[in-house]
C-alpha atoms as a PDB file:
ATOM      1  CA  MET A   1     145.538  -4.558  17.638  1.00  0.00           C
ATOM      2  CA  GLY A   2     148.562  -6.670  18.551  1.00  0.00           C
ATOM      3  CA  GLN A   3     148.965  -8.926  21.537  1.00  0.00           C
ATOM      4  CA  PRO A   4     151.307  -8.065  24.405  1.00  0.00           C
ATOM      5  CA  PRO A   5     154.596  -9.955  24.251  1.00  0.00           C
ATOM      6  CA  ILE A   6     155.128 -12.975  26.454  1.00  0.00           C
ATOM      7  CA  PRO A   7     158.420 -12.612  28.332  1.00  0.00           C
ATOM      8  CA  PRO A   8     161.044 -15.340  28.173  1.00  0.00           C
ATOM      9  CA  THR A   9     160.837 -18.097  30.755  1.00  0.00           C
ATOM     10  CA  PRO A  10     163.106 -17.144  33.693  1.00  0.00           C
ATOM     11  CA  GLY A  11     166.572 -18.572  33.406  1.00  0.00           C
ATOM     12  CA  ASP A  12     166.355 -20.304  36.777  1.00  0.00           C
ATOM     13  CA  ALA A  13     163.132 -22.147  35.919  1.00  0.00           C
ATOM     14  CA  SER A  14     163.527 -25.912  36.097  1.00  0.00           C
ATOM     15  CA  VAL A  15     161.495 -29.110  35.911  1.00  0.00           C
ATOM     16  CA  SER A  16     164.530 -31.270  36.447  1.00  0.00           C
ATOM     17  CA  GLY A  17     163.619 -34.810  37.447  1.00  0.00           C
ATOM     18  CA  LYS A  18     159.914 -34.293  36.791  1.00  0.00           C
ATOM     19  CA  THR A  19     157.420 -36.366  34.825  1.00  0.00           C
ATOM     20  CA  ILE A  20     155.009 -34.489  32.561  1.00  0.00           C
ATOM     21  CA  ILE A  21     152.061 -35.513  30.382  1.00  0.00           C
ATOM     22  CA  VAL A  22     151.129 -33.381  27.373  1.00  0.00           C
ATOM     23  CA  THR A  23     147.924 -34.276  25.548  1.00  0.00           C
ATOM     24  CA  GLY A  24     148.044 -33.439  21.862  1.00  0.00           C
ATOM     25  CA  GLY A  25     151.814 -33.386  22.215  1.00  0.00           C
ATOM     26  CA  ASN A  26     152.686 -34.366  18.668  1.00  0.00           C
ATOM     27  CA  ALA A  27     152.073 -30.962  17.048  1.00  0.00           C
ATOM     28  CA  GLY A  28     151.565 -27.241  17.581  1.00  0.00           C
ATOM     29  CA  LEU A  29     151.459 -25.886  21.106  1.00  0.00           C
ATOM     30  CA  GLY A  30     151.660 -29.332  22.679  1.00  0.00           C
ATOM     31  CA  TYR A  31     154.813 -30.258  20.803  1.00  0.00           C
ATOM     32  CA  ASP A  32     156.540 -26.984  21.574  1.00  0.00           C
ATOM     33  CA  ALA A  33     155.522 -27.142  25.238  1.00  0.00           C
ATOM     34  CA  ALA A  34     157.108 -30.611  25.377  1.00  0.00           C
ATOM     35  CA  ARG A  35     160.238 -29.193  23.763  1.00  0.00           C
ATOM     36  CA  GLN A  36     160.419 -26.394  26.301  1.00  0.00           C
ATOM     37  CA  TYR A  37     159.871 -28.778  29.234  1.00  0.00           C
ATOM     38  CA  LEU A  38     162.782 -30.872  27.980  1.00  0.00           C
ATOM     39  CA  THR A  39     165.041 -27.823  27.713  1.00  0.00           C
ATOM     40  CA  LEU A  40     164.104 -27.076  31.345  1.00  0.00           C
ATOM     41  CA  GLY A  41     165.329 -30.516  32.389  1.00  0.00           C
ATOM     42  CA  ALA A  42     162.232 -32.734  32.437  1.00  0.00           C
ATOM     43  CA  SER A  43     163.279 -36.350  32.974  1.00  0.00           C
ATOM     44  CA  HIS A  44     160.186 -37.961  31.463  1.00  0.00           C
ATOM     45  CA  ILE A  45     157.732 -36.592  28.901  1.00  0.00           C
ATOM     46  CA  ILE A  46     154.643 -38.540  27.857  1.00  0.00           C
ATOM     47  CA  LEU A  47     153.071 -37.420  24.604  1.00  0.00           C
ATOM     48  CA  ALA A  48     149.408 -38.435  24.655  1.00  0.00           C
ATOM     49  CA  CYS A  49     148.376 -38.763  21.013  1.00  0.00           C
ATOM     50  CA  ARG A  50     145.587 -40.276  18.946  1.00  0.00           C
ATOM     51  CA  SER A  51     148.070 -41.405  16.298  1.00  0.00           C
ATOM     52  CA  ILE A  52     150.951 -43.465  17.654  1.00  0.00           C
ATOM     53  CA  THR A  53     152.817 -42.988  14.370  1.00  0.00           C
ATOM     54  CA  ARG A  54     152.635 -39.208  14.546  1.00  0.00           C
ATOM     55  CA  GLY A  55     153.479 -39.329  18.219  1.00  0.00           C
ATOM     56  CA  GLN A  56     156.592 -41.393  17.530  1.00  0.00           C
ATOM     57  CA  GLU A  57     157.628 -38.979  14.789  1.00  0.00           C
ATOM     58  CA  ALA A  58     157.282 -36.106  17.252  1.00  0.00           C
ATOM     59  CA  ALA A  59     159.249 -38.003  19.896  1.00  0.00           C
ATOM     60  CA  SER A  60     162.051 -38.669  17.397  1.00  0.00           C
ATOM     61  CA  ALA A  61     162.147 -35.000  16.444  1.00  0.00           C
ATOM     62  CA  LEU A  62     162.402 -34.000  20.097  1.00  0.00           C
ATOM     63  CA  ARG A  63     165.238 -36.444  20.722  1.00  0.00           C
ATOM     64  CA  ALA A  64     167.070 -35.044  17.696  1.00  0.00           C
ATOM     65  CA  HIS A  65     166.589 -31.401  18.680  1.00  0.00           C
ATOM     66  CA  PRO A  66     170.074 -29.856  19.076  1.00  0.00           C
ATOM     67  CA  THR A  67     169.380 -28.163  22.420  1.00  0.00           C
ATOM     68  CA  ILE A  68     167.776 -31.268  23.916  1.00  0.00           C
ATOM     69  CA  LYS A  69     170.593 -33.485  22.616  1.00  0.00           C
ATOM     70  CA  ARG A  70     173.106 -31.166  24.253  1.00  0.00           C
ATOM     71  CA  THR A  71     171.421 -30.421  27.583  1.00  0.00           C
ATOM     72  CA  ASN A  72     169.035 -33.301  28.307  1.00  0.00           C
ATOM     73  CA  PRO A  73     170.042 -36.319  26.200  1.00  0.00           C
ATOM     74  CA  ASN A  74     168.941 -38.927  28.756  1.00  0.00           C
ATOM     75  CA  ALA A  75     165.340 -37.771  29.063  1.00  0.00           C
ATOM     76  CA  PHE A  76     162.678 -40.421  28.494  1.00  0.00           C
ATOM     77  CA  ILE A  77     160.117 -39.515  25.836  1.00  0.00           C
ATOM     78  CA  ASP A  78     157.179 -41.893  25.566  1.00  0.00           C
ATOM     79  CA  VAL A  79     154.081 -41.946  23.402  1.00  0.00           C
ATOM     80  CA  PHE A  80     150.824 -43.204  24.928  1.00  0.00           C
ATOM     81  CA  GLU A  81     147.705 -43.633  22.819  1.00  0.00           C
ATOM     82  CA  LEU A  82     144.830 -41.320  23.677  1.00  0.00           C
ATOM     83  CA  ASP A  83     141.744 -40.696  21.564  1.00  0.00           C
ATOM     84  CA  LEU A  84     139.946 -37.760  23.158  1.00  0.00           C
ATOM     85  CA  ASP A  85     136.830 -38.711  21.200  1.00  0.00           C
ATOM     86  CA  ASP A  86     136.313 -41.721  23.474  1.00  0.00           C
ATOM     87  CA  TYR A  87     135.900 -42.074  27.259  1.00  0.00           C
ATOM     88  CA  GLN A  88     137.129 -45.655  27.056  1.00  0.00           C
ATOM     89  CA  SER A  89     140.373 -44.535  25.430  1.00  0.00           C
ATOM     90  CA  GLY A  90     140.751 -41.975  28.208  1.00  0.00           C
ATOM     91  CA  LEU A  91     140.210 -44.690  30.786  1.00  0.00           C
ATOM     92  CA  ARG A  92     142.729 -47.031  29.133  1.00  0.00           C
ATOM     93  CA  PHE A  93     145.225 -44.175  28.984  1.00  0.00           C
ATOM     94  CA  SER A  94     144.711 -43.328  32.659  1.00  0.00           C
ATOM     95  CA  ASN A  95     145.043 -46.956  33.703  1.00  0.00           C
ATOM     96  CA  ARG A  96     148.300 -47.272  31.776  1.00  0.00           C
ATOM     97  CA  VAL A  97     149.677 -44.156  33.430  1.00  0.00           C
ATOM     98  CA  LYS A  98     148.711 -45.426  36.883  1.00  0.00           C
ATOM     99  CA  SER A  99     150.246 -48.811  36.125  1.00  0.00           C
ATOM    100  CA  GLU A 100     153.543 -47.609  34.660  1.00  0.00           C
ATOM    101  CA  ILE A 101     154.198 -44.171  36.181  1.00  0.00           C
ATOM    102  CA  LYS A 102     155.076 -43.833  39.857  1.00  0.00           C
ATOM    103  CA  GLN A 103     155.116 -40.051  40.027  1.00  0.00           C
ATOM    104  CA  LEU A 104     153.368 -37.395  37.927  1.00  0.00           C
ATOM    105  CA  ASP A 105     154.213 -33.731  38.368  1.00  0.00           C
ATOM    106  CA  ILE A 106     152.381 -31.938  35.553  1.00  0.00           C
ATOM    107  CA  LEU A 107     149.324 -32.801  33.478  1.00  0.00           C
ATOM    108  CA  LEU A 108     148.931 -30.400  30.561  1.00  0.00           C
ATOM    109  CA  ASN A 109     145.485 -30.881  29.030  1.00  0.00           C
ATOM    110  CA  ASN A 110     146.254 -29.277  25.705  1.00  0.00           C
ATOM    111  CA  GLY A 111     144.690 -31.491  23.022  1.00  0.00           C
ATOM    112  CA  GLY A 112     141.682 -30.133  21.160  1.00  0.00           C
ATOM    113  CA  GLN A 113     140.167 -29.188  17.825  1.00  0.00           C
ATOM    114  CA  VAL A 114     137.723 -26.810  16.161  1.00  0.00           C
ATOM    115  CA  LEU A 115     134.812 -28.412  14.311  1.00  0.00           C
ATOM    116  CA  LEU A 116     131.970 -26.427  12.748  1.00  0.00           C
ATOM    117  CA  GLU A 117     129.550 -29.303  12.219  1.00  0.00           C
ATOM    118  CA  TYR A 118     127.438 -31.111  14.788  1.00  0.00           C
ATOM    119  CA  GLU A 119     128.752 -34.636  15.277  1.00  0.00           C
ATOM    120  CA  LYS A 120     128.520 -37.232  18.014  1.00  0.00           C
ATOM    121  CA  SER A 121     131.625 -38.638  19.672  1.00  0.00           C
ATOM    122  CA  LYS A 122     132.306 -42.342  20.091  1.00  0.00           C
ATOM    123  CA  SER A 123     130.945 -41.927  23.599  1.00  0.00           C
ATOM    124  CA  GLY A 124     127.701 -40.409  22.340  1.00  0.00           C
ATOM    125  CA  HIS A 125     128.220 -36.762  23.286  1.00  0.00           C
ATOM    126  CA  GLU A 126     128.653 -33.755  21.036  1.00  0.00           C
ATOM    127  CA  TRP A 127     132.108 -34.136  19.485  1.00  0.00           C
ATOM    128  CA  SER A 128     133.706 -30.774  20.345  1.00  0.00           C
ATOM    129  CA  MET A 129     132.655 -31.017  23.973  1.00  0.00           C
ATOM    130  CA  GLN A 130     133.930 -34.583  24.213  1.00  0.00           C
ATOM    131  CA  VAL A 131     137.331 -33.800  22.675  1.00  0.00           C
ATOM    132  CA  ASN A 132     137.982 -30.391  24.218  1.00  0.00           C
ATOM    133  CA  CYS A 133     136.400 -31.063  27.617  1.00  0.00           C
ATOM    134  CA  TYR A 134     134.923 -34.327  28.831  1.00  0.00           C
ATOM    135  CA  THR A 135     137.730 -36.821  28.230  1.00  0.00           C
ATOM    136  CA  HIS A 136     140.225 -34.373  29.700  1.00  0.00           C
ATOM    137  CA  PHE A 137     138.003 -34.091  32.767  1.00  0.00           C
ATOM    138  CA  LEU A 138     137.961 -37.864  33.087  1.00  0.00           C
ATOM    139  CA  ILE A 139     141.750 -38.092  32.819  1.00  0.00           C
ATOM    140  CA  SER A 140     142.187 -35.326  35.399  1.00  0.00           C
ATOM    141  CA  LEU A 141     139.938 -37.114  37.876  1.00  0.00           C
ATOM    142  CA  GLU A 142     141.557 -40.490  37.287  1.00  0.00           C
ATOM    143  CA  LEU A 143     145.089 -39.137  37.698  1.00  0.00           C
ATOM    144  CA  PHE A 144     144.323 -36.759  40.567  1.00  0.00           C
ATOM    145  CA  PRO A 145     145.381 -39.244  43.300  1.00  0.00           C
ATOM    146  CA  LEU A 146     148.716 -39.782  41.539  1.00  0.00           C
ATOM    147  CA  LEU A 147     149.272 -36.033  41.324  1.00  0.00           C
ATOM    148  CA  ARG A 148     148.455 -35.702  45.033  1.00  0.00           C
ATOM    149  CA  SER A 149     150.793 -38.493  46.077  1.00  0.00           C
ATOM    150  CA  THR A 150     153.554 -36.961  43.961  1.00  0.00           C
ATOM    151  CA  ALA A 151     153.021 -33.604  45.680  1.00  0.00           C
ATOM    152  CA  ALA A 152     153.367 -35.334  49.062  1.00  0.00           C
ATOM    153  CA  ALA A 153     156.578 -37.039  47.978  1.00  0.00           C
ATOM    154  CA  ARG A 154     158.090 -33.904  46.434  1.00  0.00           C
ATOM    155  CA  GLY A 155     156.958 -31.452  49.069  1.00  0.00           C
ATOM    156  CA  VAL A 156     155.666 -29.082  46.378  1.00  0.00           C
ATOM    157  CA  PRO A 157     152.290 -28.935  44.575  1.00  0.00           C
ATOM    158  CA  SER A 158     151.707 -30.849  41.362  1.00  0.00           C
ATOM    159  CA  ARG A 159     149.990 -29.107  38.456  1.00  0.00           C
ATOM    160  CA  ILE A 160     147.030 -29.513  36.129  1.00  0.00           C
ATOM    161  CA  THR A 161     146.726 -26.896  33.409  1.00  0.00           C
ATOM    162  CA  PHE A 162     144.094 -26.739  30.686  1.00  0.00           C
ATOM    163  CA  THR A 163     144.756 -24.824  27.484  1.00  0.00           C
ATOM    164  CA  GLY A 164     141.965 -22.279  27.504  1.00  0.00           C
ATOM    165  CA  SER A 165     140.787 -19.433  25.308  1.00  0.00           C
ATOM    166  CA  ALA A 166     139.686 -15.859  25.823  1.00  0.00           C
ATOM    167  CA  THR A 167     136.913 -16.540  23.322  1.00  0.00           C
ATOM    168  CA  HIS A 168     134.897 -17.920  26.234  1.00  0.00           C
ATOM    169  CA  ILE A 169     134.530 -14.435  27.717  1.00  0.00           C
ATOM    170  CA  LYS A 170     132.277 -12.865  25.085  1.00  0.00           C
ATOM    171  CA  GLN A 171     131.608 -15.567  22.513  1.00  0.00           C
ATOM    172  CA  ASN A 172     129.990 -18.238  24.660  1.00  0.00           C
ATOM    173  CA  THR A 173     126.291 -18.958  24.101  1.00  0.00           C
ATOM    174  CA  LEU A 174     125.395 -19.503  27.749  1.00  0.00           C
ATOM    175  CA  THR A 175     125.010 -15.790  28.409  1.00  0.00           C
ATOM    176  CA  ARG A 176     122.084 -15.596  25.995  1.00  0.00           C
ATOM    177  CA  ARG A 177     120.973 -19.239  26.207  1.00  0.00           C
ATOM    178  CA  PRO A 178     121.465 -20.479  29.784  1.00  0.00           C
ATOM    179  CA  ILE A 179     121.230 -24.116  30.726  1.00  0.00           C
ATOM    180  CA  SER A 180     117.652 -24.939  31.649  1.00  0.00           C
ATOM    181  CA  PRO A 181     116.977 -25.961  35.266  1.00  0.00           C
ATOM    182  CA  ASP A 182     115.474 -29.130  33.806  1.00  0.00           C
ATOM    183  CA  SER A 183     118.649 -30.002  31.887  1.00  0.00           C
ATOM    184  CA  THR A 184     122.289 -30.791  32.666  1.00  0.00           C
ATOM    185  CA  VAL A 185     125.540 -29.508  31.234  1.00  0.00           C
ATOM    186  CA  LEU A 186     125.962 -32.636  29.129  1.00  0.00           C
ATOM    187  CA  GLY A 187     122.320 -32.698  28.082  1.00  0.00           C
ATOM    188  CA  HIS A 188     122.355 -29.047  27.080  1.00  0.00           C
ATOM    189  CA  PHE A 189     125.372 -29.360  24.829  1.00  0.00           C
ATOM    190  CA  ASP A 190     124.311 -32.733  23.416  1.00  0.00           C
ATOM    191  CA  ASP A 191     121.093 -31.137  22.176  1.00  0.00           C
ATOM    192  CA  GLY A 192     121.586 -30.197  18.525  1.00  0.00           C
ATOM    193  CA  ALA A 193     119.168 -27.298  18.963  1.00  0.00           C
ATOM    194  CA  ASN A 194     121.757 -25.621  21.189  1.00  0.00           C
ATOM    195  CA  PHE A 195     124.632 -26.115  18.742  1.00  0.00           C
ATOM    196  CA  ASP A 196     126.034 -22.919  17.228  1.00  0.00           C
ATOM    197  CA  LYS A 197     128.914 -23.709  14.894  1.00  0.00           C
ATOM    198  CA  LEU A 198     130.505 -20.279  15.241  1.00  0.00           C
ATOM    199  CA  TYR A 199     130.493 -20.355  19.032  1.00  0.00           C
ATOM    200  CA  ARG A 200     130.801 -24.004  20.046  1.00  0.00           C
ATOM    201  CA  TYR A 201     134.570 -23.707  20.471  1.00  0.00           C
ATOM    202  CA  ALA A 202     134.032 -20.808  22.886  1.00  0.00           C
ATOM    203  CA  ASP A 203     131.436 -22.895  24.719  1.00  0.00           C
ATOM    204  CA  THR A 204     133.951 -25.702  25.203  1.00  0.00           C
ATOM    205  CA  LYS A 205     136.399 -23.264  26.744  1.00  0.00           C
ATOM    206  CA  THR A 206     133.653 -21.863  28.969  1.00  0.00           C
ATOM    207  CA  VAL A 207     132.976 -25.334  30.321  1.00  0.00           C
ATOM    208  CA  VAL A 208     136.727 -25.873  30.818  1.00  0.00           C
ATOM    209  CA  ASN A 209     136.944 -22.610  32.774  1.00  0.00           C
ATOM    210  CA  ALA A 210     134.008 -23.582  34.966  1.00  0.00           C
ATOM    211  CA  TYR A 211     135.382 -27.062  35.604  1.00  0.00           C
ATOM    212  CA  VAL A 212     138.822 -25.756  36.546  1.00  0.00           C
ATOM    213  CA  ARG A 213     137.153 -23.850  39.374  1.00  0.00           C
ATOM    214  CA  ARG A 214     135.545 -27.041  40.648  1.00  0.00           C
ATOM    215  CA  LEU A 215     138.649 -29.188  40.340  1.00  0.00           C
ATOM    216  CA  ALA A 216     140.853 -26.569  41.972  1.00  0.00           C
ATOM    217  CA  ALA A 217     138.857 -26.819  45.201  1.00  0.00           C
ATOM    218  CA  LEU A 218     139.656 -30.526  45.761  1.00  0.00           C
ATOM    219  CA  ALA A 219     143.206 -30.223  47.096  1.00  0.00           C
ATOM    220  CA  PRO A 220     144.441 -26.644  46.631  1.00  0.00           C
ATOM    221  CA  SER A 221     147.598 -27.095  48.686  1.00  0.00           C
ATOM    222  CA  GLU A 222     148.580 -30.241  46.769  1.00  0.00           C
ATOM    223  CA  VAL A 223     147.457 -29.741  43.155  1.00  0.00           C
ATOM    224  CA  ILE A 224     147.376 -26.314  41.511  1.00  0.00           C
ATOM    225  CA  VAL A 225     144.768 -26.283  38.739  1.00  0.00           C
ATOM    226  CA  ASN A 226     144.565 -23.424  36.271  1.00  0.00           C
ATOM    227  CA  ASN A 227     143.474 -22.533  32.769  1.00  0.00           C
ATOM    228  CA  ALA A 228     145.738 -20.536  30.421  1.00  0.00           C
ATOM    229  CA  CYS A 229     144.958 -18.818  27.136  1.00  0.00           C
ATOM    230  CA  PRO A 230     147.961 -18.869  24.778  1.00  0.00           C
ATOM    231  CA  GLY A 231     146.388 -16.108  22.696  1.00  0.00           C
ATOM    232  CA  LEU A 232     146.092 -16.064  18.922  1.00  0.00           C
ATOM    233  CA  VAL A 233     148.890 -18.378  17.789  1.00  0.00           C
ATOM    234  CA  GLN A 234     150.275 -19.356  14.399  1.00  0.00           C
ATOM    235  CA  THR A 235     149.145 -22.978  14.598  1.00  0.00           C
ATOM    236  CA  GLY A 236     147.125 -25.341  12.402  1.00  0.00           C
ATOM    237  CA  VAL A 237     144.056 -25.328  14.639  1.00  0.00           C
ATOM    238  CA  ASP A 238     141.954 -23.913  11.769  1.00  0.00           C
ATOM    239  CA  LYS A 239     142.420 -26.950   9.538  1.00  0.00           C
ATOM    240  CA  ASN A 240     138.777 -28.037   9.935  1.00  0.00           C
ATOM    241  CA  LEU A 241     137.374 -24.639   8.989  1.00  0.00           C
ATOM    242  CA  PRO A 242     135.701 -24.161   5.571  1.00  0.00           C
ATOM    243  CA  PHE A 243     137.886 -22.510   2.954  1.00  0.00           C
ATOM    244  CA  TYR A 244     136.080 -19.171   3.210  1.00  0.00           C
ATOM    245  CA  LEU A 245     137.108 -18.931   6.879  1.00  0.00           C
ATOM    246  CA  LYS A 246     140.427 -20.768   6.706  1.00  0.00           C
ATOM    247  CA  LEU A 247     142.055 -18.210   4.406  1.00  0.00           C
ATOM    248  CA  PRO A 248     141.213 -15.048   6.383  1.00  0.00           C
ATOM    249  CA  MET A 249     142.024 -16.766   9.699  1.00  0.00           C
ATOM    250  CA  GLY A 250     145.364 -17.857   8.271  1.00  0.00           C
ATOM    251  CA  LEU A 251     146.160 -14.285   7.253  1.00  0.00           C
ATOM    252  CA  ILE A 252     145.140 -12.958  10.674  1.00  0.00           C
ATOM    253  CA  ARG A 253     147.256 -15.533  12.476  1.00  0.00           C
ATOM    254  CA  LYS A 254     150.248 -14.820  10.271  1.00  0.00           C
ATOM    255  CA  SER A 255     150.011 -11.052  10.695  1.00  0.00           C
ATOM    256  CA  THR A 256     149.075 -10.751  14.389  1.00  0.00           C
ATOM    257  CA  GLY A 257     149.457 -14.206  15.920  1.00  0.00           C
ATOM    258  CA  ARG A 258     152.111 -15.213  18.388  1.00  0.00           C
ATOM    259  CA  THR A 259     154.704 -17.717  17.326  1.00  0.00           C
ATOM    260  CA  VAL A 260     154.106 -21.251  18.509  1.00  0.00           C
ATOM    261  CA  ALA A 261     157.088 -20.949  20.858  1.00  0.00           C
ATOM    262  CA  GLU A 262     155.671 -17.772  22.423  1.00  0.00           C
ATOM    263  CA  GLY A 263     152.220 -19.298  22.781  1.00  0.00           C
ATOM    264  CA  ALA A 264     153.707 -22.405  24.397  1.00  0.00           C
ATOM    265  CA  ARG A 265     155.550 -20.192  26.882  1.00  0.00           C
ATOM    266  CA  THR A 266     152.180 -19.211  28.352  1.00  0.00           C
ATOM    267  CA  LEU A 267     151.614 -22.896  29.124  1.00  0.00           C
ATOM    268  CA  ILE A 268     155.085 -23.200  30.637  1.00  0.00           C
ATOM    269  CA  TYR A 269     154.295 -20.176  32.776  1.00  0.00           C
ATOM    270  CA  ALA A 270     151.008 -21.669  33.974  1.00  0.00           C
ATOM    271  CA  THR A 271     152.514 -25.076  34.803  1.00  0.00           C
ATOM    272  CA  VAL A 272     155.958 -24.112  36.097  1.00  0.00           C
ATOM    273  CA  ILE A 273     156.179 -20.452  37.119  1.00  0.00           C
ATOM    274  CA  ALA A 274     152.710 -19.377  38.276  1.00  0.00           C
ATOM    275  CA  GLY A 275     152.053 -19.794  41.978  1.00  0.00           C
ATOM    276  CA  PRO A 276     149.143 -20.986  44.124  1.00  0.00           C
ATOM    277  CA  GLU A 277     147.354 -17.687  43.588  1.00  0.00           C
ATOM    278  CA  THR A 278     146.437 -19.018  40.124  1.00  0.00           C
ATOM    279  CA  ASN A 279     144.620 -22.077  41.492  1.00  0.00           C
ATOM    280  CA  GLY A 280     141.164 -22.175  39.930  1.00  0.00           C
ATOM    281  CA  LYS A 281     141.947 -19.123  37.791  1.00  0.00           C
ATOM    282  CA  PHE A 282     141.932 -18.218  34.113  1.00  0.00           C
ATOM    283  CA  LEU A 283     145.154 -16.678  32.806  1.00  0.00           C
ATOM    284  CA  GLN A 284     145.483 -14.371  29.829  1.00  0.00           C
ATOM    285  CA  HIS A 285     148.864 -12.890  28.795  1.00  0.00           C
ATOM    286  CA  ASN A 286     150.293 -14.589  31.921  1.00  0.00           C
ATOM    287  CA  GLN A 287     147.967 -12.554  34.143  1.00  0.00           C
ATOM    288  CA  ILE A 288     144.936 -13.662  36.146  1.00  0.00           C
ATOM    289  CA  ASP A 289     141.764 -12.682  34.292  1.00  0.00           C
ATOM    290  CA  SER A 290     138.246 -12.877  35.725  1.00  0.00           C
ATOM    291  CA  GLY A 291     136.947 -14.635  32.590  1.00  0.00           C
ATOM    292  CA  ALA A 292     133.288 -14.744  31.609  1.00  0.00           C
ATOM    293  CA  ALA A 293     131.339 -12.501  33.973  1.00  0.00           C
ATOM    294  CA  PHE A 294     128.424 -14.890  34.516  1.00  0.00           C
ATOM    295  CA  LEU A 295     130.786 -17.541  35.929  1.00  0.00           C
ATOM    296  CA  ASN A 296     131.683 -15.210  38.770  1.00  0.00           C
ATOM    297  CA  THR A 297     128.209 -15.147  40.311  1.00  0.00           C
ATOM    298  CA  PRO A 298     127.651 -17.319  43.414  1.00  0.00           C
ATOM    299  CA  GLU A 299     124.872 -19.267  41.693  1.00  0.00           C
ATOM    300  CA  GLU A 300     126.965 -20.286  38.707  1.00  0.00           C
ATOM    301  CA  SER A 301     129.913 -21.253  40.879  1.00  0.00           C
ATOM    302  CA  THR A 302     127.910 -23.900  42.702  1.00  0.00           C
ATOM    303  CA  GLN A 303     125.541 -25.404  40.146  1.00  0.00           C
ATOM    304  CA  ASP A 304     125.430 -26.993  36.686  1.00  0.00           C
ATOM    305  CA  VAL A 305     129.086 -27.933  36.271  1.00  0.00           C
ATOM    306  CA  ALA A 306     128.855 -30.284  39.254  1.00  0.00           C
ATOM    307  CA  THR A 307     126.751 -32.567  37.065  1.00  0.00           C
ATOM    308  CA  ILE A 308     129.814 -33.300  34.952  1.00  0.00           C
ATOM    309  CA  ASP A 309     131.434 -34.982  37.960  1.00  0.00           C
ATOM    310  CA  SER A 310     128.569 -37.409  38.404  1.00  0.00           C
ATOM    311  CA  ALA A 311     128.260 -37.995  34.681  1.00  0.00           C
ATOM    312  CA  LEU A 312     131.913 -38.910  34.366  1.00  0.00           C
ATOM    313  CA  SER A 313     131.756 -41.246  37.354  1.00  0.00           C
ATOM    314  CA  SER A 314     129.955 -43.755  35.150  1.00  0.00           C
ATOM    315  CA  TYR A 315     131.810 -42.791  31.936  1.00  0.00           C
ATOM    316  CA  ALA A 316     128.447 -42.343  30.218  1.00  0.00           C
END
C-alpha cells in the first residue's frame, strides 16, 4: 500500500530573516530540510553535526545549490559540533548557541539512528535512547528560553519539531511491557532485559511523542512543539541494519518510499505551516494523529515521562 502524497509547500510560505537549527543536518532529511528552509528565505541555518568535516561539506553543497545561489545567496550557513551520544556535547552545543545566537526561531530535532545491538552511550544510557531522545531533550530545555524570547521579539511563536515515526503506534514495547512503578523511564530503557532490537527504534519515538506533550505545555502561546512523521523515506537510515534486513528494507524504500524532498516537506509543514492546533501533537501525512493509544490515557499523560525532566536537570 502506497503512502498519500505530500502536497507542495505553499508558494507564500516564508522563513525570511529567521534563524533555524537542524540537528543531523549534513545528510538525508536534515540536509534537505535545510535546503528547503534556505529556498524559503532563511537568513541563518545552523547544521548541528557530529562530524564537522561532513557538516562543512554539506554547507558547501547548500551554498552551491543553484536555487539557493539565485534566491538566497547571502544566507549564513554554520556548522556547530553536536554528538548526540553525549550530554556534555549537547551542553557545549547549547552554550555555544546561547553565546553566539541572539534569536532562534526554529529548532528541528531531526538527528537519529537505528541500532539493533544494545550499547551504552558516552553518558551511560542505552545508545538509541540517548541519540534519538535524551540529548535532544536536553538541547530543547536549554534553548527554550531563547526560543521564548525570540517569540516575544517577533510577535509570533517559535517552533520545536521532533522527527517522529508512526512505528511508535503499534511497535512500541510499552504496551506489553509497561514501566514498573518502581522504575523510571531512563532506568527502564537502560535495563538490557527490556531491550528488544526490533522495537527499540519505535520505543525511542514513543518517548519522543510523550515528551513533546510535556514540553508543549510549558509556553503554548510562545513555542509550538510538535512531532512529525515523514513516513517511509528513501534515506540511508538503514545503514546499521544487518545485511539480511538491509536488502529487503532498501527494496521497500525504493519501491514505496517517499523521496527525501517529499519527506522533508513534512518537516517544513510542521515547523512553518502548521498552526497552534498542532502544539503537543503527533503529525502523520501532515495531519494530526492520536498516536499510541496508551499515551492518551490521563494516567500516562501525567506520570513516567516527567522523570526525564529531573534526570536531565543534572545531565546524569
